[in-house]
Amino acid sequence: MSNDAAQRFLTHFRFESILCGYAAIYLGLSAAFGLGDFAHWVGFVVGPGLLYRAVQPGPTAGAYLWLSRNRLWSGVGRAFALGALLSPLLLIGTSVDGHAFGLNLVLTYPLALVLLVVTAATTEEVFFRGFLLRSMLRLGCRPLSAVLLSALVFAVYHLPYVLGADVTKVVASLLTSFVGGLLLGWTVLRTSNLVAAIAMHAALDGLSAASLIPLSIGS
């Protein structure tokens, strides 16, 4: 790539170029220090949002993130229903240690689980299926390639949560996260609505976590 071509690329895709570096740094910090939900609001939502506003001259962040007032509820019901239907699959990648934690959380702080699910669904979808997937498409990736690549990054992001478990659990967690990422990416591209992906994500996480309660009681 010539200097002129590189300059044109950085001019037209300044935000996407910076976001790639930002994503690598933040995901590395998250893996190294186990950053929590509050940090993810900052790192997944506020940080990229401020970065977009500072360097992107194009459409508003809402349009960039597939958030349109006219399509806000498009596909949400179907996406939630599909997420609920497939939520048992997430149990394949859930560690046994999470059973007691899920039970104690629900019994002690009933709203805490709801808040955690909403937080994870919103922050992760804004970042992975919003900023990251859109950036990959703008950088020239074909839709299928962008969905595959964003799902792979999504799966690797979840890897630290199962480190220390046996190999079978680690592989199962990676596969379920990857497949979940594929479904969520496909949902965004099909509906052009990030809210649909957030609804599916909440159904996947929330109902699979709730289904752990009987297992916890019996263990």
C-alpha atoms as a PDB file:
ATOM      1  CA  MET A   1       0.000   0.000   0.000  1.00  0.00           C
ATOM      2  CA  SER A   2       1.441   3.360  -1.079  1.00  0.00           C
ATOM      3  CA  ASN A   3       1.704   6.300   1.315  1.00  0.00           C
ATOM      4  CA  ASP A   4      -1.183   8.064  -0.438  1.00  0.00           C
ATOM      5  CA  ALA A   5      -3.367   4.987  -0.269  1.00  0.00           C
ATOM      6  CA  ALA A   6      -2.499   4.472   3.384  1.00  0.00           C
ATOM      7  CA  GLN A   7      -3.337   8.103   4.114  1.00  0.00           C
ATOM      8  CA  ARG A   8      -6.707   7.795   2.353  1.00  0.00           C
ATOM      9  CA  PHE A   9      -7.421   4.605   4.273  1.00  0.00           C
ATOM     10  CA  LEU A  10      -6.662   6.213   7.630  1.00  0.00           C
ATOM     11  CA  THR A  11      -8.727   9.257   6.702  1.00  0.00           C
ATOM     12  CA  HIS A  12     -11.824   7.297   5.695  1.00  0.00           C
ATOM     13  CA  PHE A  13     -11.477   4.587   8.342  1.00  0.00           C
ATOM     14  CA  ARG A  14      -9.846   6.510  11.175  1.00  0.00           C
ATOM     15  CA  PHE A  15     -12.339   5.336  13.775  1.00  0.00           C
ATOM     16  CA  GLU A  16     -12.192   1.706  12.663  1.00  0.00           C
ATOM     17  CA  SER A  17      -8.391   1.733  12.662  1.00  0.00           C
ATOM     18  CA  ILE A  18      -8.234   3.208  16.165  1.00  0.00           C
ATOM     19  CA  LEU A  19     -10.979   0.885  17.414  1.00  0.00           C
ATOM     20  CA  CYS A  20      -8.961  -2.202  16.438  1.00  0.00           C
ATOM     21  CA  GLY A  21      -6.102  -1.046  18.648  1.00  0.00           C
ATOM     22  CA  TYR A  22      -8.488   0.016  21.392  1.00  0.00           C
ATOM     23  CA  ALA A  23     -10.188  -3.400  21.338  1.00  0.00           C
ATOM     24  CA  ALA A  24      -6.878  -5.270  21.577  1.00  0.00           C
ATOM     25  CA  ILE A  25      -5.755  -3.153  24.543  1.00  0.00           C
ATOM     26  CA  TYR A  26      -9.037  -3.248  26.462  1.00  0.00           C
ATOM     27  CA  LEU A  27      -9.667  -6.972  25.922  1.00  0.00           C
ATOM     28  CA  GLY A  28      -6.103  -7.657  27.017  1.00  0.00           C
ATOM     29  CA  LEU A  29      -6.636  -5.628  30.203  1.00  0.00           C
ATOM     30  CA  SER A  30      -9.935  -7.396  30.812  1.00  0.00           C
ATOM     31  CA  ALA A  31      -8.272 -10.796  30.533  1.00  0.00           C
ATOM     32  CA  ALA A  32      -5.313  -9.815  32.703  1.00  0.00           C
ATOM     33  CA  PHE A  33      -7.203  -8.102  35.522  1.00  0.00           C
ATOM     34  CA  GLY A  34     -10.662  -9.639  35.356  1.00  0.00           C
ATOM     35  CA  LEU A  35     -12.452  -6.330  34.852  1.00  0.00           C
ATOM     36  CA  GLY A  36     -16.025  -6.309  36.145  1.00  0.00           C
ATOM     37  CA  ASP A  37     -19.376  -5.073  34.898  1.00  0.00           C
ATOM     38  CA  PHE A  38     -18.863  -1.421  35.805  1.00  0.00           C
ATOM     39  CA  ALA A  39     -15.578  -1.397  33.907  1.00  0.00           C
ATOM     40  CA  HIS A  40     -17.330  -2.904  30.888  1.00  0.00           C
ATOM     41  CA  TRP A  41     -19.860  -0.068  30.820  1.00  0.00           C
ATOM     42  CA  VAL A  42     -16.873   2.240  30.502  1.00  0.00           C
ATOM     43  CA  GLY A  43     -14.716   0.054  28.269  1.00  0.00           C
ATOM     44  CA  PHE A  44     -17.388  -1.392  25.970  1.00  0.00           C
ATOM     45  CA  VAL A  45     -19.836   1.513  25.739  1.00  0.00           C
ATOM     46  CA  VAL A  46     -18.540   4.878  26.978  1.00  0.00           C
ATOM     47  CA  GLY A  47     -14.980   4.577  25.668  1.00  0.00           C
ATOM     48  CA  PRO A  48     -15.829   3.594  22.069  1.00  0.00           C
ATOM     49  CA  GLY A  49     -18.731   6.075  22.091  1.00  0.00           C
ATOM     50  CA  LEU A  50     -16.484   8.977  23.029  1.00  0.00           C
ATOM     51  CA  LEU A  51     -13.877   7.797  20.548  1.00  0.00           C
ATOM     52  CA  TYR A  52     -16.488   7.645  17.790  1.00  0.00           C
ATOM     53  CA  ARG A  53     -17.742  11.118  18.585  1.00  0.00           C
ATOM     54  CA  ALA A  54     -14.200  12.499  18.538  1.00  0.00           C
ATOM     55  CA  VAL A  55     -12.961  11.060  15.238  1.00  0.00           C
ATOM     56  CA  GLN A  56     -15.941   9.909  13.135  1.00  0.00           C
ATOM     57  CA  PRO A  57     -17.467  12.594  10.881  1.00  0.00           C
ATOM     58  CA  GLY A  58     -20.139  10.314   9.440  1.00  0.00           C
ATOM     59  CA  PRO A  59     -23.497   9.151  10.810  1.00  0.00           C
ATOM     60  CA  THR A  60     -24.471   9.374  14.444  1.00  0.00           C
ATOM     61  CA  ALA A  61     -23.337   6.635  16.813  1.00  0.00           C
ATOM     62  CA  GLY A  62     -26.902   5.329  16.931  1.00  0.00           C
ATOM     63  CA  ALA A  63     -26.977   4.747  13.187  1.00  0.00           C
ATOM     64  CA  TYR A  64     -23.507   3.196  13.298  1.00  0.00           C
ATOM     65  CA  LEU A  65     -24.710   0.767  15.979  1.00  0.00           C
ATOM     66  CA  TRP A  66     -27.890  -0.321  14.155  1.00  0.00           C
ATOM     67  CA  LEU A  67     -30.037   1.734  16.532  1.00  0.00           C
ATOM     68  CA  SER A  68     -32.818   3.440  14.610  1.00  0.00           C
ATOM     69  CA  ARG A  69     -35.960   4.805  16.229  1.00  0.00           C
ATOM     70  CA  ASN A  70     -38.001   3.437  13.335  1.00  0.00           C
ATOM     71  CA  ARG A  71     -36.645  -0.099  13.760  1.00  0.00           C
ATOM     72  CA  LEU A  72     -36.105  -0.203  17.505  1.00  0.00           C
ATOM     73  CA  TRP A  73     -38.427  -3.178  18.053  1.00  0.00           C
ATOM     74  CA  SER A  74     -37.850  -4.902  14.725  1.00  0.00           C
ATOM     75  CA  GLY A  75     -37.242  -8.616  15.270  1.00  0.00           C
ATOM     76  CA  VAL A  76     -36.948  -8.272  19.056  1.00  0.00           C
ATOM     77  CA  GLY A  77     -39.704 -10.757  19.915  1.00  0.00           C
ATOM     78  CA  ARG A  78     -38.420 -13.428  17.543  1.00  0.00           C
ATOM     79  CA  ALA A  79     -34.835 -12.909  18.681  1.00  0.00           C
ATOM     80  CA  PHE A  80     -35.803 -13.257  22.351  1.00  0.00           C
ATOM     81  CA  ALA A  81     -37.842 -16.391  21.617  1.00  0.00           C
ATOM     82  CA  LEU A  82     -34.941 -17.969  19.713  1.00  0.00           C
ATOM     83  CA  GLY A  83     -32.551 -17.089  22.530  1.00  0.00           C
ATOM     84  CA  ALA A  84     -34.915 -18.679  25.064  1.00  0.00           C
ATOM     85  CA  LEU A  85     -35.201 -21.804  22.927  1.00  0.00           C
ATOM     86  CA  LEU A  86     -31.428 -22.175  22.603  1.00  0.00           C
ATOM     87  CA  SER A  87     -30.509 -21.108  26.159  1.00  0.00           C
ATOM     88  CA  PRO A  88     -30.084 -24.706  27.452  1.00  0.00           C
ATOM     89  CA  LEU A  89     -27.128 -25.075  25.087  1.00  0.00           C
ATOM     90  CA  LEU A  90     -25.163 -22.604  27.226  1.00  0.00           C
ATOM     91  CA  LEU A  91     -25.221 -25.095  30.098  1.00  0.00           C
ATOM     92  CA  ILE A  92     -22.688 -27.148  28.141  1.00  0.00           C
ATOM     93  CA  GLY A  93     -20.069 -24.479  28.792  1.00  0.00           C
ATOM     94  CA  THR A  94     -21.055 -23.656  32.364  1.00  0.00           C
ATOM     95  CA  SER A  95     -18.755 -24.733  35.170  1.00  0.00           C
ATOM     96  CA  VAL A  96     -20.183 -26.653  38.129  1.00  0.00           C
ATOM     97  CA  ASP A  97     -18.782 -23.981  40.436  1.00  0.00           C
ATOM     98  CA  GLY A  98     -21.282 -21.552  38.963  1.00  0.00           C
ATOM     99  CA  HIS A  99     -24.255 -23.535  40.273  1.00  0.00           C
ATOM    100  CA  ALA A 100     -23.968 -22.475  43.900  1.00  0.00           C
ATOM    101  CA  PHE A 101     -23.066 -18.932  42.900  1.00  0.00           C
ATOM    102  CA  GLY A 102     -26.163 -18.663  40.735  1.00  0.00           C
ATOM    103  CA  LEU A 103     -28.375 -20.020  43.501  1.00  0.00           C
ATOM    104  CA  ASN A 104     -26.941 -17.758  46.209  1.00  0.00           C
ATOM    105  CA  LEU A 105     -27.203 -14.741  43.952  1.00  0.00           C
ATOM    106  CA  VAL A 106     -30.845 -15.336  43.109  1.00  0.00           C
ATOM    107  CA  LEU A 107     -31.901 -16.145  46.655  1.00  0.00           C
ATOM    108  CA  THR A 108     -29.992 -13.303  48.290  1.00  0.00           C
ATOM    109  CA  TYR A 109     -30.351 -10.569  45.677  1.00  0.00           C
ATOM    110  CA  PRO A 110     -33.170 -11.475  43.255  1.00  0.00           C
ATOM    111  CA  LEU A 111     -32.693  -8.327  41.168  1.00  0.00           C
ATOM    112  CA  ALA A 112     -28.926  -8.742  40.996  1.00  0.00           C
ATOM    113  CA  LEU A 113     -29.140 -11.525  38.426  1.00  0.00           C
ATOM    114  CA  VAL A 114     -31.442  -9.428  36.261  1.00  0.00           C
ATOM    115  CA  LEU A 115     -29.061  -6.469  36.439  1.00  0.00           C
ATOM    116  CA  LEU A 116     -26.057  -8.666  35.641  1.00  0.00           C
ATOM    117  CA  VAL A 117     -27.819 -10.211  32.646  1.00  0.00           C
ATOM    118  CA  VAL A 118     -28.966  -6.832  31.314  1.00  0.00           C
ATOM    119  CA  THR A 119     -25.488  -5.372  31.854  1.00  0.00           C
ATOM    120  CA  ALA A 120     -23.706  -8.228  30.092  1.00  0.00           C
ATOM    121  CA  ALA A 121     -26.187  -8.304  27.215  1.00  0.00           C
ATOM    122  CA  THR A 122     -26.103  -4.554  26.649  1.00  0.00           C
ATOM    123  CA  THR A 123     -22.400  -3.841  27.045  1.00  0.00           C
ATOM    124  CA  GLU A 124     -21.207  -6.874  25.092  1.00  0.00           C
ATOM    125  CA  GLU A 125     -23.648  -6.339  22.230  1.00  0.00           C
ATOM    126  CA  VAL A 126     -22.825  -2.642  21.916  1.00  0.00           C
ATOM    127  CA  PHE A 127     -19.147  -3.509  21.642  1.00  0.00           C
ATOM    128  CA  PHE A 128     -18.973  -6.839  19.789  1.00  0.00           C
ATOM    129  CA  ARG A 129     -22.015  -6.662  17.488  1.00  0.00           C
ATOM    130  CA  GLY A 130     -22.208  -2.869  17.433  1.00  0.00           C
ATOM    131  CA  PHE A 131     -18.843  -1.183  17.147  1.00  0.00           C
ATOM    132  CA  LEU A 132     -16.669  -4.192  16.293  1.00  0.00           C
ATOM    133  CA  LEU A 133     -18.895  -5.949  13.744  1.00  0.00           C
ATOM    134  CA  ARG A 134     -19.768  -2.681  12.006  1.00  0.00           C
ATOM    135  CA  SER A 135     -16.079  -1.740  11.875  1.00  0.00           C
ATOM    136  CA  MET A 136     -15.183  -5.061  10.267  1.00  0.00           C
ATOM    137  CA  LEU A 137     -17.840  -4.543   7.610  1.00  0.00           C
ATOM    138  CA  ARG A 138     -16.647  -1.011   6.895  1.00  0.00           C
ATOM    139  CA  LEU A 139     -13.064  -2.228   6.637  1.00  0.00           C
ATOM    140  CA  GLY A 140     -14.084  -4.508   3.787  1.00  0.00           C
ATOM    141  CA  CYS A 141     -14.948  -7.826   5.426  1.00  0.00           C
ATOM    142  CA  ARG A 142     -17.779  -9.738   3.816  1.00  0.00           C
ATOM    143  CA  PRO A 143     -20.781 -10.205   6.131  1.00  0.00           C
ATOM    144  CA  LEU A 144     -20.055 -13.885   6.791  1.00  0.00           C
ATOM    145  CA  SER A 145     -16.370 -13.194   7.470  1.00  0.00           C
ATOM    146  CA  ALA A 146     -17.225 -10.299   9.792  1.00  0.00           C
ATOM    147  CA  VAL A 147     -19.685 -12.424  11.763  1.00  0.00           C
ATOM    148  CA  LEU A 148     -17.185 -15.289  12.040  1.00  0.00           C
ATOM    149  CA  LEU A 149     -14.336 -13.023  13.115  1.00  0.00           C
ATOM    150  CA  SER A 150     -16.402 -11.072  15.654  1.00  0.00           C
ATOM    151  CA  ALA A 151     -17.729 -14.360  17.083  1.00  0.00           C
ATOM    152  CA  LEU A 152     -14.167 -15.644  17.433  1.00  0.00           C
ATOM    153  CA  VAL A 153     -13.099 -12.504  19.309  1.00  0.00           C
ATOM    154  CA  PHE A 154     -16.220 -12.852  21.469  1.00  0.00           C
ATOM    155  CA  ALA A 155     -15.333 -16.461  22.330  1.00  0.00           C
ATOM    156  CA  VAL A 156     -11.724 -15.608  23.190  1.00  0.00           C
ATOM    157  CA  TYR A 157     -12.967 -12.755  25.409  1.00  0.00           C
ATOM    158  CA  HIS A 158     -14.873 -15.330  27.507  1.00  0.00           C
ATOM    159  CA  LEU A 159     -11.879 -17.667  27.822  1.00  0.00           C
ATOM    160  CA  PRO A 160     -10.515 -16.199  31.115  1.00  0.00           C
ATOM    161  CA  TYR A 161     -13.821 -17.032  32.829  1.00  0.00           C
ATOM    162  CA  VAL A 162     -13.122 -20.764  32.498  1.00  0.00           C
ATOM    163  CA  LEU A 163      -9.338 -20.868  32.872  1.00  0.00           C
ATOM    164  CA  GLY A 164      -8.417 -23.456  35.472  1.00  0.00           C
ATOM    165  CA  ALA A 165     -11.298 -25.746  34.527  1.00  0.00           C
ATOM    166  CA  ASP A 166     -10.659 -29.059  32.792  1.00  0.00           C
ATOM    167  CA  VAL A 167      -9.957 -29.033  29.082  1.00  0.00           C
ATOM    168  CA  THR A 168     -13.404 -30.338  28.171  1.00  0.00           C
ATOM    169  CA  LYS A 169     -15.098 -27.432  29.943  1.00  0.00           C
ATOM    170  CA  VAL A 170     -12.767 -24.898  28.342  1.00  0.00           C
ATOM    171  CA  VAL A 171     -13.423 -26.252  24.850  1.00  0.00           C
ATOM    172  CA  ALA A 172     -17.166 -26.428  25.526  1.00  0.00           C
ATOM    173  CA  SER A 173     -17.199 -22.832  26.771  1.00  0.00           C
ATOM    174  CA  LEU A 174     -15.303 -21.615  23.703  1.00  0.00           C
ATOM    175  CA  LEU A 175     -17.675 -23.452  21.365  1.00  0.00           C
ATOM    176  CA  THR A 176     -20.839 -22.195  23.056  1.00  0.00           C
ATOM    177  CA  SER A 177     -19.516 -18.614  23.126  1.00  0.00           C
ATOM    178  CA  PHE A 178     -18.510 -18.864  19.466  1.00  0.00           C
ATOM    179  CA  VAL A 179     -21.872 -20.281  18.380  1.00  0.00           C
ATOM    180  CA  GLY A 180     -23.624 -17.652  20.483  1.00  0.00           C
ATOM    181  CA  GLY A 181     -21.554 -14.975  18.768  1.00  0.00           C
ATOM    182  CA  LEU A 182     -22.546 -16.348  15.367  1.00  0.00           C
ATOM    183  CA  LEU A 183     -26.236 -16.263  16.258  1.00  0.00           C
ATOM    184  CA  LEU A 184     -26.013 -12.742  17.655  1.00  0.00           C
ATOM    185  CA  GLY A 185     -24.087 -11.454  14.651  1.00  0.00           C
ATOM    186  CA  TRP A 186     -26.544 -13.089  12.258  1.00  0.00           C
ATOM    187  CA  THR A 187     -29.425 -11.518  14.207  1.00  0.00           C
ATOM    188  CA  VAL A 188     -27.977  -8.017  13.860  1.00  0.00           C
ATOM    189  CA  LEU A 189     -27.378  -8.392  10.133  1.00  0.00           C
ATOM    190  CA  ARG A 190     -30.811  -9.899   9.537  1.00  0.00           C
ATOM    191  CA  THR A 191     -32.767  -7.334  11.561  1.00  0.00           C
ATOM    192  CA  SER A 192     -30.460  -4.298  11.274  1.00  0.00           C
ATOM    193  CA  ASN A 193     -31.362  -3.752  14.915  1.00  0.00           C
ATOM    194  CA  LEU A 194     -28.931  -4.079  17.833  1.00  0.00           C
ATOM    195  CA  VAL A 195     -31.832  -4.246  20.315  1.00  0.00           C
ATOM    196  CA  ALA A 196     -32.805  -7.619  18.826  1.00  0.00           C
ATOM    197  CA  ALA A 197     -29.321  -8.965  19.572  1.00  0.00           C
ATOM    198  CA  ILE A 198     -29.466  -7.551  23.108  1.00  0.00           C
ATOM    199  CA  ALA A 199     -32.825  -9.307  23.636  1.00  0.00           C
ATOM    200  CA  MET A 200     -31.446 -12.612  22.354  1.00  0.00           C
ATOM    201  CA  HIS A 201     -28.319 -12.271  24.488  1.00  0.00           C
ATOM    202  CA  ALA A 202     -30.409 -11.538  27.606  1.00  0.00           C
ATOM    203  CA  ALA A 203     -32.581 -14.583  26.929  1.00  0.00           C
ATOM    204  CA  LEU A 204     -29.575 -16.830  26.368  1.00  0.00           C
ATOM    205  CA  ASP A 205     -27.813 -15.729  29.560  1.00  0.00           C
ATOM    206  CA  GLY A 206     -30.807 -15.179  31.804  1.00  0.00           C
ATOM    207  CA  LEU A 207     -32.732 -18.382  31.163  1.00  0.00           C
ATOM    208  CA  SER A 208     -29.643 -20.577  31.152  1.00  0.00           C
ATOM    209  CA  ALA A 209     -28.595 -19.047  34.505  1.00  0.00           C
ATOM    210  CA  ALA A 210     -32.092 -19.512  35.940  1.00  0.00           C
ATOM    211  CA  SER A 211     -32.059 -23.166  34.909  1.00  0.00           C
ATOM    212  CA  LEU A 212     -29.025 -23.696  37.154  1.00  0.00           C
ATOM    213  CA  ILE A 213     -31.107 -23.132  40.275  1.00  0.00           C
ATOM    214  CA  PRO A 214     -32.632 -26.644  40.425  1.00  0.00           C
ATOM    215  CA  LEU A 215     -29.180 -28.113  39.792  1.00  0.00           C
ATOM    216  CA  SER A 216     -27.781 -26.025  42.633  1.00  0.00           C
ATOM    217  CA  ILE A 217     -30.524 -27.113  45.004  1.00  0.00           C
ATOM    218  CA  GLY A 218     -29.931 -30.738  44.183  1.00  0.00           C
ATOM    219  CA  SER A 219     -26.128 -30.531  44.581  1.00  0.00           C
END
